[in-house]
Amino acid sequence: MAEWEVVIGLEVHAELLTKSKLFCGCSTEFGQEPNTQVCPICMGLPGTLPVLNKRAVEYTIKAGLALNCAIAEYSKFDRKNYFYPDLPKAYQISQYDLPVCEDGYITVATQDGEHRIGISRIHLEEEAGKSVHSGDNILGSDHSLIDYNRCGIPLIEIVSEPDIRSPEQARLYLDQLKAVLQYTGVSDCKMEEGSLRCDANVSVRPKGSEEFGVKSEIKNLNSFRAVQKALEYEVKRQIAQLEAGEPLVQDTRHWDEARGVTVQMRTKEGAADYRYFPEPDLMPVVIDRSWVDEIGRDIPELPDARKARFVQSYGLPEHDAWLLTESRALADFFEACVTQYKDPKPVSNWIMGEMLRMVNTSELDTEADLAITPEHIVELLRLIDAGTISGKIGKDVFAEMFTSGKMPSVIVEEKGLKQISDEGELENIVREVIAANPQSVADYQAGKKQAVGFLVGQVMKATKGQANPQKANQLLIKNLE
């Protein structure tokens, strides 16, 4: 790697959160029965004409503004011609030379400092249908079925400049891009539902060279982790081939997740192969500057600004602020908590610790309808502050309320989890523990003061974690001395 430089560009496709499709009134709702959300327009039947969805244009402009792009005053649609079963018209209505957004950027924080990654363009286009393969992937299938429900859903393609210099930077770029799209509300970015997809272009060149190497485009990248792993493999493959004196071929490759390798699918097409020409059934789009300004005023506080505010206003460490603002839903949840509970750090600790751990274990995400609310977290913290339960018991209560949705006070009452703080009750337990552990008592009296920690543990064990540990510690020392 000391002799080679990696050059990566990403093409990200994000479905827009409109209720109807780009050129017809069919629903965009996910998960419906195959081929039930189609009409003559999105099926490309003869004699039909497309009508542009204004909200889709609005969301494209909003995404462009949030990603620091210039918004075109004049844009148009083009036909991109190719033959594939999930494209019923045998062409896709897309944009070629006059996209809605151009010349943007994203700044990512790397170990070597901030790195700006340019965004060449964001263009609006219609989705193709979905091929449902009989096997795990297209290469291992003997047949495929086609679901046209997705056909015509509005889609933006965000094309980066070849400014990414490592697979890790690619992952950081995608994390930041996803956060911006979610914050603006233009896309839900659910990769598991296909509403966010990424193709990666990667090449290598000798260090110091200004000419680009021969690139490969990698497809079937269904997670950000897969993007990073596929790029790491492909970089090694290309370098090994060049160092062996074998020429590279510009191609499209499939990422085989199970084997951890890329596999050639076809040699790469160029723009000429798609025979672009202006879409004759749609007028050019003239975008009024006052409309752009109106859309800009509707853009919420974005991740970087919110992160800085969390550090400044709440006194959170950079890491906490970064993790909490990575998702708009998570940041909103945190702020709803601190409006009711004025110490931000414990709120942050419980959200980043127990809540995210259980979200990951249950394979939910913070966009989903969780059983718990900010009120659950606040009540739990107040029970701990009041000494009603210990922090250890609090974790058990959290697990129960996360699953059941019951309020912490109800769980504590139902399960009899109140912390034992009554000195009379604790005194008896402390004496029993001292009597049962003569060696630890002798160690303590011989000057090994840390022995009291073991005895506190025995008190906690005897009370199933319900003893007030501070009071147990005080009573033990009192009795030992």
Protein backbone atom coordinates (compact mmCIF):
# COMPACT_ATOMS: atom_id res chain seq x y z
CA MET A 1 0.00 0.00 0.00
CA ALA A 2 2.97 2.34 0.48
CA GLU A 3 3.38 2.42 -3.31
CA TRP A 4 -0.30 2.70 -4.26
CA GLU A 5 -3.10 5.22 -3.83
CA VAL A 6 -6.75 4.17 -3.62
CA VAL A 7 -9.38 6.16 -5.51
CA ILE A 8 -13.03 5.57 -4.60
CA GLY A 9 -16.26 7.17 -5.76
CA LEU A 10 -19.70 6.18 -4.49
CA GLU A 11 -23.09 6.23 -6.18
CA VAL A 12 -25.84 6.22 -3.56
CA HIS A 13 -29.49 5.66 -4.49
CA ALA A 14 -32.04 6.88 -1.96
CA GLU A 15 -35.79 6.42 -2.38
CA LEU A 16 -37.73 9.56 -1.50
CA LEU A 17 -40.44 9.52 1.18
CA THR A 18 -43.30 10.56 -1.09
CA LYS A 19 -46.69 8.87 -0.78
CA SER A 20 -47.09 8.41 -4.53
CA LYS A 21 -44.74 7.51 -7.36
CA LEU A 22 -42.71 9.89 -9.50
CA PHE A 23 -44.98 9.98 -12.56
CA CYS A 24 -48.28 8.43 -11.41
CA GLY A 25 -50.57 8.20 -8.38
CA CYS A 26 -49.67 4.64 -7.31
CA SER A 27 -48.76 4.13 -3.64
CA THR A 28 -45.12 3.80 -2.57
CA GLU A 29 -45.96 1.83 0.60
CA PHE A 30 -43.43 -0.92 1.28
CA GLY A 31 -44.22 -4.58 1.81
CA GLN A 32 -47.47 -4.97 -0.13
CA GLU A 33 -48.37 -8.02 -2.23
CA PRO A 34 -46.28 -8.19 -5.43
CA ASN A 35 -47.65 -6.28 -8.43
CA THR A 36 -50.59 -4.74 -6.56
CA GLN A 37 -49.34 -1.12 -6.65
CA VAL A 38 -49.04 -0.69 -10.40
CA CYS A 39 -50.91 1.09 -13.17
CA PRO A 40 -50.58 1.56 -16.96
CA ILE A 41 -48.16 4.49 -16.42
CA CYS A 42 -45.61 2.79 -14.18
CA MET A 43 -45.96 -0.41 -16.22
CA GLY A 44 -45.07 1.55 -19.35
CA LEU A 45 -48.14 0.58 -21.38
CA PRO A 46 -48.56 2.30 -24.78
CA GLY A 47 -50.49 5.55 -24.85
CA THR A 48 -49.70 6.61 -21.27
CA LEU A 49 -48.04 9.89 -20.28
CA PRO A 50 -46.04 10.69 -17.12
CA VAL A 51 -46.96 13.59 -14.80
CA LEU A 52 -44.14 14.85 -12.56
CA ASN A 53 -44.57 14.62 -8.76
CA LYS A 54 -43.83 18.10 -7.36
CA ARG A 55 -43.03 16.79 -3.87
CA ALA A 56 -40.26 14.60 -5.33
CA VAL A 57 -38.63 17.67 -6.87
CA GLU A 58 -38.97 19.49 -3.52
CA TYR A 59 -37.26 16.65 -1.65
CA THR A 60 -34.46 16.55 -4.23
CA ILE A 61 -33.84 20.27 -3.74
CA LYS A 62 -33.93 19.86 0.05
CA ALA A 63 -31.35 17.06 -0.09
CA GLY A 64 -29.17 19.17 -2.38
CA LEU A 65 -29.27 22.20 -0.08
CA ALA A 66 -28.45 20.06 2.97
CA LEU A 67 -25.46 18.63 1.06
CA ASN A 68 -24.14 22.07 0.05
CA CYS A 69 -25.12 21.77 -3.62
CA ALA A 70 -25.96 24.44 -6.16
CA ILE A 71 -29.58 24.13 -7.33
CA ALA A 72 -30.17 24.40 -11.05
CA GLU A 73 -32.69 26.95 -12.27
CA TYR A 74 -33.25 24.85 -15.40
CA SER A 75 -33.26 21.05 -15.39
CA LYS A 76 -34.63 18.33 -17.63
CA PHE A 77 -35.31 14.59 -17.76
CA ASP A 78 -33.72 12.06 -20.12
CA ARG A 79 -34.34 8.53 -21.25
CA LYS A 80 -31.71 6.01 -20.19
CA ASN A 81 -32.14 3.01 -22.45
CA TYR A 82 -31.32 -0.52 -21.37
CA PHE A 83 -33.00 -3.90 -21.45
CA TYR A 84 -33.64 -5.69 -18.20
CA PRO A 85 -36.70 -7.63 -16.97
CA ASP A 86 -37.48 -5.24 -14.10
CA LEU A 87 -37.66 -2.24 -16.46
CA PRO A 88 -40.99 -2.62 -18.30
CA LYS A 89 -40.52 0.36 -20.67
CA ALA A 90 -36.98 -0.80 -21.60
CA TYR A 91 -35.87 2.69 -20.57
CA GLN A 92 -35.63 4.59 -17.31
CA ILE A 93 -36.64 8.23 -16.98
CA SER A 94 -33.59 9.80 -15.37
CA GLN A 95 -31.41 12.91 -15.72
CA TYR A 96 -28.17 13.09 -17.66
CA ASP A 97 -26.55 16.44 -18.44
CA LEU A 98 -28.83 18.83 -16.50
CA PRO A 99 -29.45 17.40 -12.99
CA VAL A 100 -31.29 19.30 -10.26
CA CYS A 101 -28.24 19.55 -7.93
CA GLU A 102 -24.50 19.86 -8.55
CA ASP A 103 -21.19 20.69 -6.83
CA GLY A 104 -21.88 19.78 -3.21
CA TYR A 105 -19.74 18.20 -0.51
CA ILE A 106 -19.64 16.30 2.77
CA THR A 107 -16.96 16.76 5.42
CA VAL A 108 -15.96 13.68 7.42
CA ALA A 109 -13.78 13.50 10.53
CA THR A 110 -10.87 11.08 10.05
CA GLN A 111 -7.89 10.21 12.22
CA ASP A 112 -5.84 12.63 10.10
CA GLY A 113 -8.33 15.49 10.50
CA GLU A 114 -11.31 16.66 8.47
CA HIS A 115 -11.56 15.46 4.88
CA ARG A 116 -13.90 17.03 2.32
CA ILE A 117 -15.54 14.70 -0.18
CA GLY A 118 -17.12 16.37 -3.17
CA ILE A 119 -20.58 15.54 -4.49
CA SER A 120 -20.62 15.78 -8.27
CA ARG A 121 -24.39 15.71 -8.72
CA ILE A 122 -27.75 14.66 -7.34
CA HIS A 123 -30.28 13.73 -9.96
CA LEU A 124 -33.90 12.58 -9.79
CA GLU A 125 -35.06 9.41 -11.51
CA GLU A 126 -37.62 6.62 -11.30
CA GLU A 127 -36.97 3.27 -9.62
CA ALA A 128 -36.91 0.03 -11.55
CA GLY A 129 -38.83 -3.03 -10.37
CA LYS A 130 -37.39 -5.68 -8.10
CA SER A 131 -36.01 -9.03 -9.22
CA VAL A 132 -36.72 -11.79 -6.72
CA HIS A 133 -34.13 -14.52 -7.28
CA SER A 134 -34.73 -18.20 -6.57
CA GLY A 135 -31.32 -18.50 -4.92
CA ASP A 136 -29.43 -16.32 -2.47
CA ASN A 137 -28.22 -14.05 -5.29
CA ILE A 138 -28.41 -13.58 -9.05
CA LEU A 139 -25.34 -15.71 -9.72
CA GLY A 140 -26.69 -18.72 -7.84
CA SER A 141 -30.26 -18.68 -9.18
CA ASP A 142 -31.91 -20.73 -11.90
CA HIS A 143 -34.83 -18.30 -12.27
CA SER A 144 -36.09 -14.92 -11.06
CA LEU A 145 -39.55 -13.39 -10.56
CA ILE A 146 -40.36 -9.69 -11.02
CA ASP A 147 -42.26 -7.43 -8.61
CA TYR A 148 -43.19 -4.13 -10.28
CA ASN A 149 -44.51 -2.42 -7.11
CA ARG A 150 -41.24 -0.51 -6.80
CA CYS A 151 -41.33 0.61 -10.44
CA GLY A 152 -41.65 4.39 -10.63
CA ILE A 153 -40.88 5.22 -6.98
CA PRO A 154 -38.94 8.52 -6.93
CA LEU A 155 -35.24 8.06 -6.38
CA ILE A 156 -32.28 10.39 -6.04
CA GLU A 157 -28.83 9.28 -7.09
CA ILE A 158 -26.04 11.02 -5.18
CA VAL A 159 -22.75 10.74 -7.05
CA SER A 160 -19.58 11.55 -5.16
CA GLU A 161 -16.38 12.85 -6.68
CA PRO A 162 -13.50 10.33 -6.66
CA ASP A 163 -12.20 11.98 -3.48
CA ILE A 164 -12.40 8.98 -1.13
CA ARG A 165 -8.99 7.52 -0.34
CA SER A 166 -9.77 4.46 1.77
CA PRO A 167 -12.58 2.00 2.48
CA GLU A 168 -12.84 3.50 5.98
CA GLN A 169 -13.43 6.98 4.53
CA ALA A 170 -16.16 5.45 2.34
CA ARG A 171 -17.89 4.15 5.46
CA LEU A 172 -17.64 7.56 7.18
CA TYR A 173 -19.06 9.29 4.09
CA LEU A 174 -22.03 6.92 4.01
CA ASP A 175 -22.71 7.36 7.73
CA GLN A 176 -22.76 11.14 7.32
CA LEU A 177 -24.84 11.04 4.13
CA LYS A 178 -27.44 8.75 5.69
CA ALA A 179 -27.74 11.02 8.73
CA VAL A 180 -28.31 14.11 6.57
CA LEU A 181 -30.98 12.40 4.47
CA GLN A 182 -32.79 11.18 7.59
CA TYR A 183 -32.56 14.56 9.35
CA THR A 184 -34.12 16.34 6.38
CA GLY A 185 -36.87 13.71 6.18
CA VAL A 186 -36.40 13.11 2.45
CA SER A 187 -35.69 9.37 2.85
CA ASP A 188 -35.95 6.75 5.59
CA CYS A 189 -32.67 5.17 4.35
CA LYS A 190 -33.71 1.64 5.28
CA MET A 191 -31.19 -0.57 3.51
CA GLU A 192 -33.09 -3.70 4.55
CA GLU A 193 -36.08 -2.42 2.52
CA GLY A 194 -33.96 -1.28 -0.42
CA SER A 195 -34.64 2.43 0.09
CA LEU A 196 -30.89 3.12 0.37
CA ARG A 197 -28.43 1.35 -1.91
CA CYS A 198 -24.83 1.97 -2.81
CA ASP A 199 -22.59 1.09 -5.75
CA ALA A 200 -18.87 1.67 -5.34
CA ASN A 201 -16.33 2.56 -8.01
CA VAL A 202 -12.75 1.77 -7.04
CA SER A 203 -9.36 1.93 -8.71
CA VAL A 204 -5.72 2.12 -7.65
CA ARG A 205 -2.83 4.11 -9.06
CA PRO A 206 0.86 4.55 -8.24
CA LYS A 207 1.49 7.11 -5.51
CA GLY A 208 2.08 10.53 -7.06
CA SER A 209 0.23 9.71 -10.29
CA GLU A 210 -2.53 12.07 -11.42
CA GLU A 211 -4.09 9.67 -13.93
CA PHE A 212 -6.90 7.43 -12.76
CA GLY A 213 -6.46 3.68 -12.87
CA VAL A 214 -8.87 1.19 -14.40
CA LYS A 215 -11.96 1.10 -12.19
CA SER A 216 -14.36 -1.60 -11.16
CA GLU A 217 -17.94 -0.96 -10.05
CA ILE A 218 -19.11 -3.15 -7.17
CA LYS A 219 -22.79 -3.98 -6.71
CA ASN A 220 -24.87 -5.96 -4.17
CA LEU A 221 -23.66 -3.87 -1.25
CA ASN A 222 -26.51 -4.25 1.23
CA SER A 223 -24.88 -2.67 4.29
CA PHE A 224 -22.23 -0.09 5.07
CA ARG A 225 -20.11 -2.88 6.51
CA ALA A 226 -20.39 -4.73 3.18
CA VAL A 227 -19.24 -1.58 1.35
CA GLN A 228 -16.10 -1.36 3.48
CA LYS A 229 -15.33 -5.10 3.26
CA ALA A 230 -15.89 -5.25 -0.51
CA LEU A 231 -13.66 -2.23 -1.10
CA GLU A 232 -10.91 -3.69 1.10
CA TYR A 233 -10.99 -6.91 -0.90
CA GLU A 234 -11.14 -5.18 -4.28
CA VAL A 235 -8.19 -2.90 -3.50
CA LYS A 236 -6.06 -5.94 -2.61
CA ARG A 237 -7.21 -7.78 -5.76
CA GLN A 238 -6.35 -4.92 -8.08
CA ILE A 239 -2.94 -4.29 -6.53
CA ALA A 240 -2.05 -8.00 -6.65
CA GLN A 241 -3.06 -8.19 -10.32
CA LEU A 242 -1.08 -5.09 -11.28
CA GLU A 243 2.00 -6.22 -9.36
CA ALA A 244 1.78 -9.56 -11.17
CA GLY A 245 1.90 -7.67 -14.47
CA GLU A 246 -1.68 -8.50 -15.44
CA PRO A 247 -3.82 -5.68 -16.94
CA LEU A 248 -7.12 -4.69 -15.33
CA VAL A 249 -10.42 -4.52 -17.23
CA GLN A 250 -13.13 -1.96 -16.47
CA ASP A 251 -15.98 -4.11 -15.23
CA THR A 252 -19.01 -4.48 -12.97
CA ARG A 253 -18.51 -6.89 -10.08
CA HIS A 254 -20.83 -8.64 -7.62
CA TRP A 255 -19.94 -8.72 -3.90
CA ASP A 256 -20.28 -12.29 -2.65
CA GLU A 257 -20.88 -11.76 1.07
CA ALA A 258 -20.56 -15.45 1.98
CA ARG A 259 -17.17 -15.90 0.32
CA GLY A 260 -15.90 -12.39 0.97
CA VAL A 261 -14.89 -11.82 -2.67
CA THR A 262 -15.98 -9.79 -5.70
CA VAL A 263 -17.01 -11.69 -8.83
CA GLN A 264 -17.10 -10.26 -12.35
CA MET A 265 -20.64 -9.88 -13.75
CA ARG A 266 -19.97 -8.01 -17.01
CA THR A 267 -17.61 -5.53 -18.60
CA LYS A 268 -18.59 -1.97 -17.73
CA GLU A 269 -20.92 0.06 -19.91
CA GLY A 270 -20.21 3.68 -20.77
CA ALA A 271 -22.72 6.53 -21.10
CA ALA A 272 -22.94 5.97 -24.86
CA ASP A 273 -24.27 2.44 -24.25
CA TYR A 274 -27.37 3.90 -22.58
CA ARG A 275 -28.21 6.12 -25.62
CA TYR A 276 -29.43 9.04 -23.49
CA PHE A 277 -31.75 11.53 -25.15
CA PRO A 278 -34.19 14.15 -23.73
CA GLU A 279 -37.46 12.71 -22.42
CA PRO A 280 -40.04 13.85 -25.01
CA ASP A 281 -43.06 13.36 -22.74
CA LEU A 282 -41.90 15.77 -20.00
CA MET A 283 -41.32 19.51 -20.11
CA PRO A 284 -38.04 20.90 -18.75
CA VAL A 285 -38.17 21.84 -15.07
CA VAL A 286 -37.77 25.55 -14.30
CA ILE A 287 -37.05 26.03 -10.59
CA ASP A 288 -37.98 29.38 -9.07
CA ARG A 289 -35.40 30.83 -6.67
CA SER A 290 -38.06 31.85 -4.17
CA TRP A 291 -39.19 28.22 -3.98
CA VAL A 292 -35.61 27.09 -3.27
CA ASP A 293 -35.36 29.70 -0.49
CA GLU A 294 -38.65 28.48 0.99
CA ILE A 295 -37.42 24.87 0.99
CA GLY A 296 -34.14 25.99 2.57
CA ARG A 297 -35.97 27.58 5.48
CA ASP A 298 -37.58 24.21 6.22
CA ILE A 299 -34.26 22.36 6.64
CA PRO A 300 -33.81 21.35 10.31
CA GLU A 301 -30.62 21.54 12.37
CA LEU A 302 -28.26 19.05 10.70
CA PRO A 303 -26.05 16.43 12.42
CA ASP A 304 -22.80 18.44 12.62
CA ALA A 305 -24.53 21.52 14.05
CA ARG A 306 -26.51 19.42 16.51
CA LYS A 307 -23.40 17.58 17.64
CA ALA A 308 -21.64 20.89 18.33
CA ARG A 309 -24.65 22.11 20.30
CA PHE A 310 -24.80 18.93 22.38
CA VAL A 311 -21.17 19.46 23.38
CA GLN A 312 -21.61 23.17 24.12
CA SER A 313 -25.09 23.24 25.67
CA TYR A 314 -25.17 19.92 27.51
CA GLY A 315 -21.46 19.53 28.28
CA LEU A 316 -21.34 16.08 26.67
CA PRO A 317 -18.05 14.51 25.52
CA GLU A 318 -17.48 14.54 21.75
CA HIS A 319 -18.04 10.77 21.53
CA ASP A 320 -21.41 10.97 23.30
CA ALA A 321 -22.55 13.85 21.11
CA TRP A 322 -21.44 12.07 17.94
CA LEU A 323 -23.25 8.84 18.82
CA LEU A 324 -26.45 10.57 19.93
CA THR A 325 -26.71 12.77 16.83
CA GLU A 326 -25.93 10.02 14.32
CA SER A 327 -29.68 9.37 14.16
CA ARG A 328 -32.28 12.13 14.27
CA ALA A 329 -34.67 9.85 16.16
CA LEU A 330 -32.04 9.13 18.81
CA ALA A 331 -31.13 12.81 19.18
CA ASP A 332 -34.81 13.73 19.50
CA PHE A 333 -35.26 11.01 22.14
CA PHE A 334 -32.30 12.34 24.15
CA GLU A 335 -33.53 15.94 24.04
CA ALA A 336 -37.03 14.89 25.09
CA CYS A 337 -35.43 13.26 28.15
CA VAL A 338 -33.31 16.26 29.17
CA THR A 339 -36.26 18.62 29.02
CA GLN A 340 -37.63 16.63 31.99
CA TYR A 341 -34.39 15.53 33.69
CA LYS A 342 -31.80 18.26 33.96
CA ASP A 343 -28.58 16.20 34.22
CA PRO A 344 -27.70 15.25 30.61
CA LYS A 345 -24.82 12.85 31.30
CA PRO A 346 -26.81 10.10 33.10
CA VAL A 347 -29.43 10.33 30.33
CA SER A 348 -26.68 9.94 27.73
CA ASN A 349 -25.15 6.99 29.62
CA TRP A 350 -28.41 5.04 29.80
CA ILE A 351 -29.35 5.72 26.16
CA MET A 352 -25.91 4.83 24.81
CA GLY A 353 -25.52 1.87 27.15
CA GLU A 354 -28.65 -0.10 27.96
CA MET A 355 -30.98 1.32 25.33
CA LEU A 356 -28.70 0.93 22.29
CA ARG A 357 -27.51 -2.46 23.52
CA MET A 358 -31.09 -3.71 23.65
CA VAL A 359 -31.99 -2.04 20.34
CA ASN A 360 -29.10 -3.89 18.68
CA THR A 361 -29.94 -7.18 20.41
CA SER A 362 -33.58 -6.98 19.35
CA GLU A 363 -32.56 -5.94 15.81
CA LEU A 364 -34.78 -2.87 16.02
CA ASP A 365 -33.68 0.62 15.12
CA THR A 366 -34.39 3.96 16.73
CA GLU A 367 -36.77 4.84 13.90
CA ALA A 368 -39.04 1.96 14.92
CA ASP A 369 -41.88 2.23 17.41
CA LEU A 370 -40.07 1.35 20.62
CA ALA A 371 -42.06 0.25 23.66
CA ILE A 372 -40.28 2.83 25.82
CA THR A 373 -40.54 6.62 25.77
CA PRO A 374 -38.42 9.42 27.26
CA GLU A 375 -40.80 9.31 30.25
CA HIS A 376 -39.64 5.76 30.99
CA ILE A 377 -35.98 6.84 31.14
CA VAL A 378 -36.73 9.89 33.29
CA GLU A 379 -38.79 7.93 35.82
CA LEU A 380 -36.09 5.25 36.04
CA LEU A 381 -33.39 7.85 36.76
CA ARG A 382 -35.53 9.46 39.44
CA LEU A 383 -36.10 6.10 41.15
CA ILE A 384 -32.32 5.58 41.26
CA ASP A 385 -31.71 9.14 42.52
CA ALA A 386 -34.28 8.66 45.29
CA GLY A 387 -32.61 5.42 46.44
CA THR A 388 -35.74 3.43 45.64
CA ILE A 389 -33.67 1.09 43.47
CA SER A 390 -29.96 0.67 42.86
CA GLY A 391 -28.26 1.22 39.52
CA LYS A 392 -27.79 -2.56 39.21
CA ILE A 393 -31.48 -3.22 39.77
CA GLY A 394 -32.15 -0.35 37.35
CA LYS A 395 -30.63 -2.44 34.54
CA ASP A 396 -33.04 -5.28 35.26
CA VAL A 397 -35.95 -2.83 35.35
CA PHE A 398 -34.78 -1.33 32.04
CA ALA A 399 -34.76 -4.74 30.35
CA GLU A 400 -38.30 -5.40 31.55
CA MET A 401 -39.70 -2.01 30.55
CA PHE A 402 -37.97 -2.17 27.13
CA THR A 403 -39.81 -5.40 26.39
CA SER A 404 -43.16 -4.78 28.07
CA GLY A 405 -43.52 -1.00 27.89
CA LYS A 406 -44.50 -0.87 31.57
CA MET A 407 -43.39 2.14 33.59
CA PRO A 408 -40.40 1.53 35.92
CA SER A 409 -42.40 2.26 39.09
CA VAL A 410 -44.95 -0.41 38.11
CA ILE A 411 -42.21 -3.00 37.49
CA VAL A 412 -40.49 -2.19 40.80
CA GLU A 413 -43.79 -2.57 42.67
CA GLU A 414 -44.85 -5.76 40.89
CA LYS A 415 -41.50 -7.51 41.36
CA GLY A 416 -40.73 -6.18 44.83
CA LEU A 417 -37.46 -4.60 43.73
CA LYS A 418 -37.33 -1.64 46.11
CA GLN A 419 -33.89 -1.06 47.54
CA ILE A 420 -33.45 -2.04 51.19
CA SER A 421 -32.32 1.08 53.03
CA ASP A 422 -33.81 0.33 56.45
CA GLU A 423 -30.85 0.11 58.85
CA GLY A 424 -32.58 -2.32 61.17
CA GLU A 425 -33.22 -4.80 58.37
CA LEU A 426 -29.72 -4.36 56.94
CA GLU A 427 -28.09 -4.68 60.35
CA ASN A 428 -29.31 -8.26 60.73
CA ILE A 429 -28.09 -9.21 57.24
CA VAL A 430 -24.69 -7.55 57.84
CA ARG A 431 -24.18 -9.53 61.07
CA GLU A 432 -25.07 -12.78 59.31
CA VAL A 433 -22.56 -12.04 56.55
CA ILE A 434 -19.81 -11.21 59.10
CA ALA A 435 -20.50 -14.43 60.99
CA ALA A 436 -20.38 -16.48 57.77
CA ASN A 437 -17.08 -15.02 56.50
CA PRO A 438 -14.48 -15.14 59.35
CA GLN A 439 -11.50 -15.10 56.97
CA SER A 440 -12.57 -11.82 55.33
CA VAL A 441 -13.20 -10.35 58.79
CA ALA A 442 -9.71 -11.38 59.86
CA ASP A 443 -8.22 -9.92 56.68
CA TYR A 444 -9.96 -6.61 57.31
CA GLN A 445 -8.83 -6.46 60.93
CA ALA A 446 -5.29 -7.27 59.78
CA GLY A 447 -5.28 -4.10 57.70
CA LYS A 448 -6.56 -5.37 54.34
CA LYS A 449 -9.30 -2.78 54.06
CA GLN A 450 -10.29 -3.97 50.56
CA ALA A 451 -11.81 -7.06 52.20
CA VAL A 452 -14.88 -4.98 52.97
CA GLY A 453 -15.67 -4.94 49.25
CA PHE A 454 -16.10 -8.73 49.27
CA LEU A 455 -18.38 -8.49 52.28
CA VAL A 456 -20.51 -5.80 50.59
CA GLY A 457 -20.85 -8.21 47.67
CA GLN A 458 -22.07 -10.92 50.04
CA VAL A 459 -24.70 -8.54 51.46
CA MET A 460 -25.85 -7.73 47.92
CA LYS A 461 -25.99 -11.43 47.10
CA ALA A 462 -28.02 -12.18 50.24
CA THR A 463 -30.53 -9.46 49.34
CA LYS A 464 -30.60 -10.33 45.61
CA GLY A 465 -29.09 -6.94 44.82
CA GLN A 466 -31.69 -4.94 46.73
CA ALA A 467 -29.50 -3.67 49.60
CA ASN A 468 -28.41 -0.04 49.48
CA PRO A 469 -24.68 -0.61 48.85
CA GLN A 470 -23.59 2.64 50.54
CA LYS A 471 -25.52 1.83 53.72
CA ALA A 472 -24.33 -1.78 53.64
CA ASN A 473 -20.73 -0.54 53.40
CA GLN A 474 -21.21 1.85 56.34
CA LEU A 475 -22.82 -0.82 58.55
CA LEU A 476 -20.11 -3.36 57.75
CA ILE A 477 -17.33 -0.96 58.73
CA LYS A 478 -19.21 0.02 61.87
CA ASN A 479 -19.59 -3.64 62.93
CA LEU A 480 -16.04 -4.63 61.93
CA GLU A 481 -14.46 -1.84 63.90
